[in-house]
Structures are given as C-alpha cells and as structure tokens.
Amino acid sequence: MTDNVDARITPSLHPDNVKSIDGFDEQTAPYLAPTMTAFSTAYEGVRAVLAAKEAAATNPTWNDAQRIIHTDDFAQKHLSRITKGFDVTRSNLEKGIAMLEQQLTTPIESKAAASLSAEIRSYAKNLTTEERHKFIQEAIDAGD
C-alpha cells in the first residue's frame, strides 16, 4: 500500500500505520488485519469522495450548490460504511482482548486438575471392581 499514497489524504488514515504499532510482527498481524482493513476502507473512501468532488466540478449541468449536495450524498454513504467498519473492528478487538484476558486469568491449576481427573477416571475405569475399591480406599486413607 505504500506505493499507493495520496497526498490529498491525511497520512494518519493510511493502513500502513498499523504496522508501526509496538509489537506488530508476523504473529500479531492476523489479529490486526481487520484494523488494517478498516483503515484501508477509510483511506480509499476518502480517495473516492475526492474523486467524486473532482468529477462533480467538471459537470457543466450542476451549479455549485448541486455539486456540493451530490458530493455530500456520496460522502455520507462512504462515511456510514467507514464508521461502521471502525465500530465493528473496535468491538471485535475488545471482545478478543476480553477473551484472552479471561484465558490468562483462569488458574492453571483448574486446567491441570481437569486433565488429571480425566486420566484418573480413565485409569479407574479399566480396573476390576475389587481393584477400584482398593484404589479408592488407598486414596481415602492417604487423604486424597
């Protein structure tokens, strides 16, 4: 996208700005791809509005007020799509962050206990009834 820079558009909307975020690398790129898409949509939307403004200026059948009105109608459609894209992207990022935080705050012990108890059940299931009773009694006697 760096070859496709338009001097008429603020550089802050350029999608390559996402690449300058601290921690951006090959591993984080998939998580930030929707953000880059949102910025790209905004950048290209502004470019399309500017092109529509230039095209309206060359229409000899419109006066200045009509040019502004038609350009504004076009711009409002793009603005709606752009802002919706940013809103959806932000919401999805916040949901993803919340999910990751929840996973990181879940005690490791509970995850380990779940897999350990599954292994114990599997082991006990394969024992005979007498061996199972003995196994359970030994666990009770050991305070386990």
N, C-alpha and C. Protein backbone atom coordinates (compact mmCIF):
# COMPACT_ATOMS: atom_id res chain seq x y z
N MET A 1 0.81 -1.18 0.00
CA MET A 1 0.00 0.00 0.00
C MET A 1 0.86 1.25 0.00
N THR A 2 2.13 1.15 0.37
CA THR A 2 2.98 2.33 0.44
C THR A 2 3.16 2.97 -0.93
N ASP A 3 3.02 2.21 -2.02
CA ASP A 3 3.13 2.78 -3.36
C ASP A 3 1.89 3.60 -3.70
N ASN A 4 0.83 3.39 -2.94
CA ASN A 4 -0.45 3.98 -3.26
C ASN A 4 -0.79 5.13 -2.30
N VAL A 5 0.15 6.04 -2.09
CA VAL A 5 -0.05 7.16 -1.17
C VAL A 5 -0.64 8.33 -1.94
N ASP A 6 -1.68 8.91 -1.37
CA ASP A 6 -2.35 10.06 -1.97
C ASP A 6 -2.07 11.27 -1.08
N ALA A 7 -1.40 12.27 -1.61
CA ALA A 7 -1.01 13.44 -0.82
C ALA A 7 -2.21 14.26 -0.36
N ARG A 8 -3.35 14.05 -0.96
CA ARG A 8 -4.55 14.81 -0.57
C ARG A 8 -5.19 14.26 0.70
N ILE A 9 -4.81 13.07 1.10
CA ILE A 9 -5.43 12.39 2.25
C ILE A 9 -4.46 12.39 3.42
N THR A 10 -5.00 12.64 4.61
CA THR A 10 -4.16 12.65 5.80
C THR A 10 -3.41 11.33 5.96
N PRO A 11 -2.14 11.39 6.25
CA PRO A 11 -1.36 10.15 6.42
C PRO A 11 -1.84 9.31 7.61
N SER A 12 -2.55 9.91 8.55
CA SER A 12 -3.00 9.16 9.72
C SER A 12 -4.03 8.08 9.37
N LEU A 13 -4.64 8.15 8.20
CA LEU A 13 -5.59 7.13 7.77
C LEU A 13 -4.95 6.01 6.96
N HIS A 14 -3.68 6.14 6.66
CA HIS A 14 -3.03 5.13 5.83
C HIS A 14 -2.91 3.81 6.60
N PRO A 15 -3.30 2.70 5.97
CA PRO A 15 -3.29 1.41 6.67
C PRO A 15 -1.91 0.95 7.13
N ASP A 16 -0.86 1.42 6.49
CA ASP A 16 0.49 1.01 6.91
C ASP A 16 0.84 1.55 8.30
N ASN A 17 0.07 2.50 8.80
CA ASN A 17 0.31 2.99 10.16
C ASN A 17 0.13 1.88 11.19
N VAL A 18 -0.72 0.93 10.91
CA VAL A 18 -0.94 -0.18 11.83
C VAL A 18 0.34 -0.98 12.01
N LYS A 19 1.14 -1.05 10.98
CA LYS A 19 2.40 -1.80 11.06
C LYS A 19 3.40 -1.14 12.00
N SER A 20 3.20 0.14 12.32
CA SER A 20 4.14 0.82 13.20
C SER A 20 3.74 0.70 14.67
N ILE A 21 2.66 -0.02 14.97
CA ILE A 21 2.25 -0.24 16.36
C ILE A 21 3.28 -1.13 17.04
N ASP A 22 3.64 -0.78 18.28
CA ASP A 22 4.59 -1.59 19.04
C ASP A 22 4.09 -3.02 19.12
N GLY A 23 4.93 -3.96 18.81
CA GLY A 23 4.59 -5.37 18.89
C GLY A 23 4.03 -5.95 17.60
N PHE A 24 3.90 -5.13 16.56
CA PHE A 24 3.39 -5.66 15.29
C PHE A 24 4.47 -6.53 14.67
N ASP A 25 4.14 -7.77 14.39
CA ASP A 25 5.04 -8.70 13.71
C ASP A 25 4.20 -9.77 13.03
N GLU A 26 4.84 -10.82 12.58
CA GLU A 26 4.14 -11.89 11.86
C GLU A 26 3.08 -12.55 12.72
N GLN A 27 3.33 -12.63 14.03
CA GLN A 27 2.39 -13.30 14.92
C GLN A 27 1.17 -12.44 15.23
N THR A 28 1.36 -11.14 15.33
CA THR A 28 0.23 -10.26 15.66
C THR A 28 -0.50 -9.76 14.42
N ALA A 29 0.09 -9.91 13.26
CA ALA A 29 -0.53 -9.42 12.02
C ALA A 29 -1.95 -9.96 11.79
N PRO A 30 -2.21 -11.25 12.02
CA PRO A 30 -3.58 -11.72 11.81
C PRO A 30 -4.61 -11.04 12.72
N TYR A 31 -4.19 -10.70 13.94
CA TYR A 31 -5.11 -10.04 14.87
C TYR A 31 -5.38 -8.59 14.44
N LEU A 32 -4.41 -7.98 13.78
CA LEU A 32 -4.55 -6.58 13.38
C LEU A 32 -5.00 -6.43 11.92
N ALA A 33 -5.18 -7.53 11.23
CA ALA A 33 -5.62 -7.46 9.83
C ALA A 33 -6.96 -6.74 9.68
N PRO A 34 -7.94 -6.99 10.55
CA PRO A 34 -9.20 -6.24 10.42
C PRO A 34 -9.00 -4.73 10.64
N THR A 35 -8.07 -4.37 11.49
CA THR A 35 -7.78 -2.95 11.72
C THR A 35 -7.19 -2.34 10.47
N MET A 36 -6.27 -3.06 9.84
CA MET A 36 -5.69 -2.57 8.59
C MET A 36 -6.78 -2.43 7.52
N THR A 37 -7.71 -3.38 7.48
CA THR A 37 -8.80 -3.31 6.52
C THR A 37 -9.68 -2.09 6.78
N ALA A 38 -9.96 -1.80 8.04
CA ALA A 38 -10.78 -0.63 8.38
C ALA A 38 -10.08 0.66 7.94
N PHE A 39 -8.78 0.75 8.18
CA PHE A 39 -8.04 1.94 7.75
C PHE A 39 -7.97 2.02 6.22
N SER A 40 -7.81 0.88 5.58
CA SER A 40 -7.78 0.86 4.12
C SER A 40 -9.11 1.32 3.54
N THR A 41 -10.21 0.84 4.13
CA THR A 41 -11.54 1.26 3.69
C THR A 41 -11.71 2.76 3.86
N ALA A 42 -11.25 3.29 4.98
CA ALA A 42 -11.36 4.74 5.21
C ALA A 42 -10.51 5.51 4.20
N TYR A 43 -9.30 5.05 3.98
CA TYR A 43 -8.38 5.73 3.06
C TYR A 43 -8.96 5.75 1.65
N GLU A 44 -9.42 4.59 1.20
CA GLU A 44 -9.98 4.50 -0.15
C GLU A 44 -11.31 5.24 -0.25
N GLY A 45 -12.07 5.29 0.84
CA GLY A 45 -13.31 6.04 0.84
C GLY A 45 -13.09 7.54 0.67
N VAL A 46 -12.09 8.05 1.38
CA VAL A 46 -11.75 9.47 1.23
C VAL A 46 -11.26 9.74 -0.18
N ARG A 47 -10.47 8.82 -0.71
CA ARG A 47 -9.98 8.97 -2.09
C ARG A 47 -11.17 9.01 -3.07
N ALA A 48 -12.16 8.15 -2.87
CA ALA A 48 -13.33 8.12 -3.75
C ALA A 48 -14.14 9.41 -3.65
N VAL A 49 -14.27 9.95 -2.44
CA VAL A 49 -15.00 11.20 -2.26
C VAL A 49 -14.28 12.34 -2.96
N LEU A 50 -12.97 12.37 -2.85
CA LEU A 50 -12.19 13.41 -3.53
C LEU A 50 -12.34 13.30 -5.05
N ALA A 51 -12.35 12.06 -5.54
CA ALA A 51 -12.54 11.85 -6.98
C ALA A 51 -13.95 12.28 -7.40
N ALA A 52 -14.94 12.00 -6.56
CA ALA A 52 -16.32 12.41 -6.87
C ALA A 52 -16.43 13.93 -6.87
N LYS A 53 -15.72 14.57 -5.96
CA LYS A 53 -15.73 16.04 -5.91
C LYS A 53 -15.14 16.62 -7.19
N GLU A 54 -14.04 16.03 -7.64
CA GLU A 54 -13.41 16.49 -8.88
C GLU A 54 -14.33 16.24 -10.08
N ALA A 55 -14.99 15.09 -10.10
CA ALA A 55 -15.91 14.78 -11.20
C ALA A 55 -17.11 15.73 -11.18
N ALA A 56 -17.61 16.06 -10.00
CA ALA A 56 -18.75 16.98 -9.89
C ALA A 56 -18.36 18.37 -10.38
N ALA A 57 -17.12 18.75 -10.17
CA ALA A 57 -16.66 20.07 -10.60
C ALA A 57 -16.64 20.20 -12.12
N THR A 58 -16.54 19.07 -12.81
CA THR A 58 -16.49 19.11 -14.28
C THR A 58 -17.86 18.94 -14.93
N ASN A 59 -18.91 18.75 -14.11
CA ASN A 59 -20.26 18.58 -14.65
C ASN A 59 -20.85 19.96 -14.94
N PRO A 60 -21.01 20.30 -16.21
CA PRO A 60 -21.48 21.65 -16.55
C PRO A 60 -22.96 21.89 -16.26
N THR A 61 -23.72 20.82 -16.01
CA THR A 61 -25.16 20.99 -15.76
C THR A 61 -25.48 21.29 -14.31
N TRP A 62 -24.49 21.17 -13.42
CA TRP A 62 -24.72 21.43 -12.00
C TRP A 62 -24.15 22.79 -11.62
N ASN A 63 -24.85 23.48 -10.73
CA ASN A 63 -24.29 24.70 -10.17
C ASN A 63 -23.49 24.31 -8.92
N ASP A 64 -22.90 25.28 -8.24
CA ASP A 64 -22.05 24.97 -7.08
C ASP A 64 -22.82 24.25 -5.98
N ALA A 65 -24.05 24.66 -5.73
CA ALA A 65 -24.85 24.02 -4.68
C ALA A 65 -25.14 22.56 -5.03
N GLN A 66 -25.46 22.27 -6.27
CA GLN A 66 -25.73 20.89 -6.68
C GLN A 66 -24.47 20.04 -6.58
N ARG A 67 -23.34 20.62 -6.92
CA ARG A 67 -22.08 19.88 -6.82
C ARG A 67 -21.82 19.48 -5.36
N ILE A 68 -22.04 20.42 -4.47
CA ILE A 68 -21.82 20.15 -3.05
C ILE A 68 -22.80 19.10 -2.54
N ILE A 69 -24.06 19.23 -2.92
CA ILE A 69 -25.08 18.30 -2.45
C ILE A 69 -24.81 16.88 -2.95
N HIS A 70 -24.50 16.75 -4.23
CA HIS A 70 -24.24 15.41 -4.78
C HIS A 70 -22.96 14.80 -4.18
N THR A 71 -21.96 15.62 -4.01
CA THR A 71 -20.72 15.13 -3.41
C THR A 71 -20.97 14.72 -1.96
N ASP A 72 -21.77 15.52 -1.24
CA ASP A 72 -22.07 15.20 0.15
C ASP A 72 -22.88 13.90 0.26
N ASP A 73 -23.83 13.70 -0.61
CA ASP A 73 -24.60 12.43 -0.61
C ASP A 73 -23.66 11.24 -0.78
N PHE A 74 -22.76 11.37 -1.72
CA PHE A 74 -21.77 10.31 -1.97
C PHE A 74 -20.88 10.11 -0.74
N ALA A 75 -20.45 11.22 -0.15
CA ALA A 75 -19.57 11.15 1.02
C ALA A 75 -20.28 10.53 2.22
N GLN A 76 -21.54 10.84 2.42
CA GLN A 76 -22.30 10.29 3.55
C GLN A 76 -22.41 8.77 3.45
N LYS A 77 -22.59 8.26 2.25
CA LYS A 77 -22.67 6.80 2.07
C LYS A 77 -21.34 6.15 2.46
N HIS A 78 -20.26 6.76 2.01
CA HIS A 78 -18.94 6.23 2.36
C HIS A 78 -18.67 6.38 3.86
N LEU A 79 -19.04 7.51 4.43
CA LEU A 79 -18.81 7.74 5.85
C LEU A 79 -19.54 6.69 6.69
N SER A 80 -20.76 6.38 6.32
CA SER A 80 -21.53 5.38 7.06
C SER A 80 -20.83 4.03 7.03
N ARG A 81 -20.37 3.63 5.86
CA ARG A 81 -19.67 2.34 5.73
C ARG A 81 -18.34 2.36 6.50
N ILE A 82 -17.63 3.47 6.43
CA ILE A 82 -16.32 3.58 7.11
C ILE A 82 -16.49 3.53 8.62
N THR A 83 -17.42 4.32 9.15
CA THR A 83 -17.60 4.34 10.61
C THR A 83 -18.12 3.00 11.12
N LYS A 84 -18.98 2.36 10.35
CA LYS A 84 -19.46 1.03 10.75
C LYS A 84 -18.29 0.05 10.80
N GLY A 85 -17.39 0.13 9.81
CA GLY A 85 -16.21 -0.75 9.80
C GLY A 85 -15.32 -0.53 11.00
N PHE A 86 -15.10 0.74 11.37
CA PHE A 86 -14.29 1.03 12.55
C PHE A 86 -14.98 0.53 13.82
N ASP A 87 -16.29 0.74 13.92
CA ASP A 87 -17.02 0.30 15.10
C ASP A 87 -16.98 -1.22 15.26
N VAL A 88 -17.20 -1.94 14.18
CA VAL A 88 -17.18 -3.40 14.23
C VAL A 88 -15.78 -3.90 14.58
N THR A 89 -14.77 -3.30 13.98
CA THR A 89 -13.39 -3.71 14.25
C THR A 89 -13.04 -3.47 15.71
N ARG A 90 -13.40 -2.31 16.22
CA ARG A 90 -13.11 -1.99 17.63
C ARG A 90 -13.83 -2.96 18.55
N SER A 91 -15.09 -3.22 18.28
CA SER A 91 -15.87 -4.14 19.11
C SER A 91 -15.24 -5.54 19.09
N ASN A 92 -14.85 -6.00 17.93
CA ASN A 92 -14.23 -7.33 17.83
C ASN A 92 -12.89 -7.38 18.55
N LEU A 93 -12.12 -6.31 18.45
CA LEU A 93 -10.84 -6.27 19.19
C LEU A 93 -11.08 -6.31 20.69
N GLU A 94 -12.06 -5.55 21.16
CA GLU A 94 -12.36 -5.54 22.60
C GLU A 94 -12.83 -6.91 23.06
N LYS A 95 -13.66 -7.58 22.27
CA LYS A 95 -14.12 -8.92 22.62
C LYS A 95 -12.95 -9.91 22.65
N GLY A 96 -12.06 -9.79 21.67
CA GLY A 96 -10.89 -10.67 21.63
C GLY A 96 -9.97 -10.44 22.81
N ILE A 97 -9.78 -9.18 23.18
CA ILE A 97 -8.94 -8.86 24.34
C ILE A 97 -9.57 -9.42 25.61
N ALA A 98 -10.88 -9.24 25.76
CA ALA A 98 -11.57 -9.77 26.94
C ALA A 98 -11.44 -11.28 27.03
N MET A 99 -11.57 -11.96 25.88
CA MET A 99 -11.44 -13.41 25.87
C MET A 99 -10.02 -13.84 26.27
N LEU A 100 -9.02 -13.16 25.72
CA LEU A 100 -7.64 -13.50 26.06
C LEU A 100 -7.35 -13.23 27.53
N GLU A 101 -7.86 -12.11 28.04
CA GLU A 101 -7.66 -11.81 29.46
C GLU A 101 -8.31 -12.86 30.35
N GLN A 102 -9.49 -13.32 29.95
CA GLN A 102 -10.17 -14.36 30.71
C GLN A 102 -9.35 -15.65 30.70
N GLN A 103 -8.81 -15.99 29.54
CA GLN A 103 -7.99 -17.21 29.45
C GLN A 103 -6.73 -17.08 30.29
N LEU A 104 -6.15 -15.88 30.31
CA LEU A 104 -4.93 -15.69 31.08
C LEU A 104 -5.17 -15.66 32.58
N THR A 105 -6.36 -15.26 33.00
CA THR A 105 -6.65 -15.20 34.43
C THR A 105 -7.20 -16.50 34.97
N THR A 106 -7.57 -17.44 34.11
CA THR A 106 -8.03 -18.75 34.56
C THR A 106 -6.87 -19.47 35.21
N PRO A 107 -7.06 -19.91 36.41
CA PRO A 107 -5.94 -20.59 37.09
C PRO A 107 -5.46 -21.81 36.32
N ILE A 108 -4.18 -21.93 36.26
CA ILE A 108 -3.58 -23.08 35.57
C ILE A 108 -3.94 -24.36 36.30
N GLU A 109 -4.09 -24.27 37.62
CA GLU A 109 -4.42 -25.45 38.41
C GLU A 109 -5.73 -26.07 37.95
N SER A 110 -6.73 -25.25 37.64
CA SER A 110 -8.02 -25.81 37.25
C SER A 110 -7.91 -26.54 35.92
N LYS A 111 -7.09 -26.02 35.01
CA LYS A 111 -6.88 -26.71 33.74
C LYS A 111 -6.15 -28.03 33.96
N ALA A 112 -5.15 -27.99 34.84
CA ALA A 112 -4.39 -29.20 35.12
C ALA A 112 -5.26 -30.22 35.85
N ALA A 113 -6.09 -29.74 36.77
CA ALA A 113 -6.95 -30.65 37.53
C ALA A 113 -7.94 -31.35 36.61
N ALA A 114 -8.46 -30.64 35.64
CA ALA A 114 -9.42 -31.24 34.72
C ALA A 114 -8.79 -32.37 33.93
N SER A 115 -7.59 -32.14 33.41
CA SER A 115 -6.96 -33.20 32.62
C SER A 115 -6.48 -34.34 33.52
N LEU A 116 -6.06 -34.00 34.73
CA LEU A 116 -5.61 -35.03 35.66
C LEU A 116 -6.78 -35.91 36.10
N SER A 117 -7.92 -35.29 36.39
CA SER A 117 -9.07 -36.09 36.82
C SER A 117 -9.57 -36.98 35.67
N ALA A 118 -9.45 -36.51 34.45
CA ALA A 118 -9.84 -37.35 33.31
C ALA A 118 -8.93 -38.57 33.20
N GLU A 119 -7.66 -38.39 33.47
CA GLU A 119 -6.73 -39.52 33.43
C GLU A 119 -7.01 -40.51 34.55
N ILE A 120 -7.34 -39.98 35.74
CA ILE A 120 -7.64 -40.86 36.87
C ILE A 120 -8.90 -41.67 36.57
N ARG A 121 -9.93 -41.01 36.03
CA ARG A 121 -11.17 -41.72 35.69
C ARG A 121 -10.88 -42.82 34.65
N SER A 122 -10.07 -42.49 33.67
CA SER A 122 -9.74 -43.46 32.63
C SER A 122 -9.00 -44.66 33.24
N TYR A 123 -8.07 -44.38 34.16
CA TYR A 123 -7.31 -45.45 34.82
C TYR A 123 -8.26 -46.31 35.66
N ALA A 124 -9.12 -45.64 36.45
CA ALA A 124 -10.02 -46.38 37.34
C ALA A 124 -11.05 -47.19 36.55
N LYS A 125 -11.44 -46.70 35.42
CA LYS A 125 -12.45 -47.38 34.59
C LYS A 125 -11.93 -48.76 34.13
N ASN A 126 -10.63 -48.84 33.91
CA ASN A 126 -10.05 -50.09 33.42
C ASN A 126 -9.73 -51.08 34.53
N LEU A 127 -9.94 -50.69 35.79
CA LEU A 127 -9.67 -51.60 36.91
C LEU A 127 -10.88 -52.51 37.13
N THR A 128 -10.60 -53.65 37.73
CA THR A 128 -11.71 -54.51 38.14
C THR A 128 -12.39 -53.86 39.33
N THR A 129 -13.54 -54.37 39.69
CA THR A 129 -14.29 -53.78 40.80
C THR A 129 -13.48 -53.83 42.09
N GLU A 130 -12.83 -54.95 42.36
CA GLU A 130 -12.03 -55.09 43.58
C GLU A 130 -10.84 -54.12 43.56
N GLU A 131 -10.15 -54.03 42.42
CA GLU A 131 -9.02 -53.11 42.30
C GLU A 131 -9.47 -51.66 42.47
N ARG A 132 -10.65 -51.34 41.92
CA ARG A 132 -11.19 -49.97 42.02
C ARG A 132 -11.48 -49.63 43.48
N HIS A 133 -12.11 -50.56 44.21
CA HIS A 133 -12.39 -50.33 45.63
C HIS A 133 -11.10 -50.14 46.41
N LYS A 134 -10.11 -50.95 46.12
CA LYS A 134 -8.81 -50.84 46.80
C LYS A 134 -8.17 -49.49 46.47
N PHE A 135 -8.23 -49.08 45.19
CA PHE A 135 -7.66 -47.79 44.75
C PHE A 135 -8.32 -46.63 45.48
N ILE A 136 -9.66 -46.67 45.59
CA ILE A 136 -10.40 -45.60 46.26
C ILE A 136 -10.08 -45.60 47.76
N GLN A 137 -10.02 -46.78 48.38
CA GLN A 137 -9.72 -46.84 49.81
C GLN A 137 -8.32 -46.30 50.10
N GLU A 138 -7.35 -46.62 49.25
CA GLU A 138 -5.99 -46.11 49.44
C GLU A 138 -5.97 -44.60 49.31
N ALA A 139 -6.75 -44.03 48.38
CA ALA A 139 -6.81 -42.57 48.21
C ALA A 139 -7.45 -41.94 49.46
N ILE A 140 -8.49 -42.57 50.00
CA ILE A 140 -9.15 -42.03 51.21
C ILE A 140 -8.19 -42.10 52.39
N ASP A 141 -7.50 -43.22 52.53
CA ASP A 141 -6.56 -43.38 53.65
C ASP A 141 -5.41 -42.36 53.54
N ALA A 142 -5.03 -42.00 52.32
CA ALA A 142 -3.93 -41.05 52.12
C ALA A 142 -4.43 -39.60 52.22
N GLY A 143 -5.74 -39.42 52.39
CA GLY A 143 -6.29 -38.06 52.49
C GLY A 143 -6.40 -37.38 51.15
N ASP A 144 -6.44 -38.13 50.09
CA ASP A 144 -6.51 -37.56 48.74
C ASP A 144 -7.94 -37.48 48.31
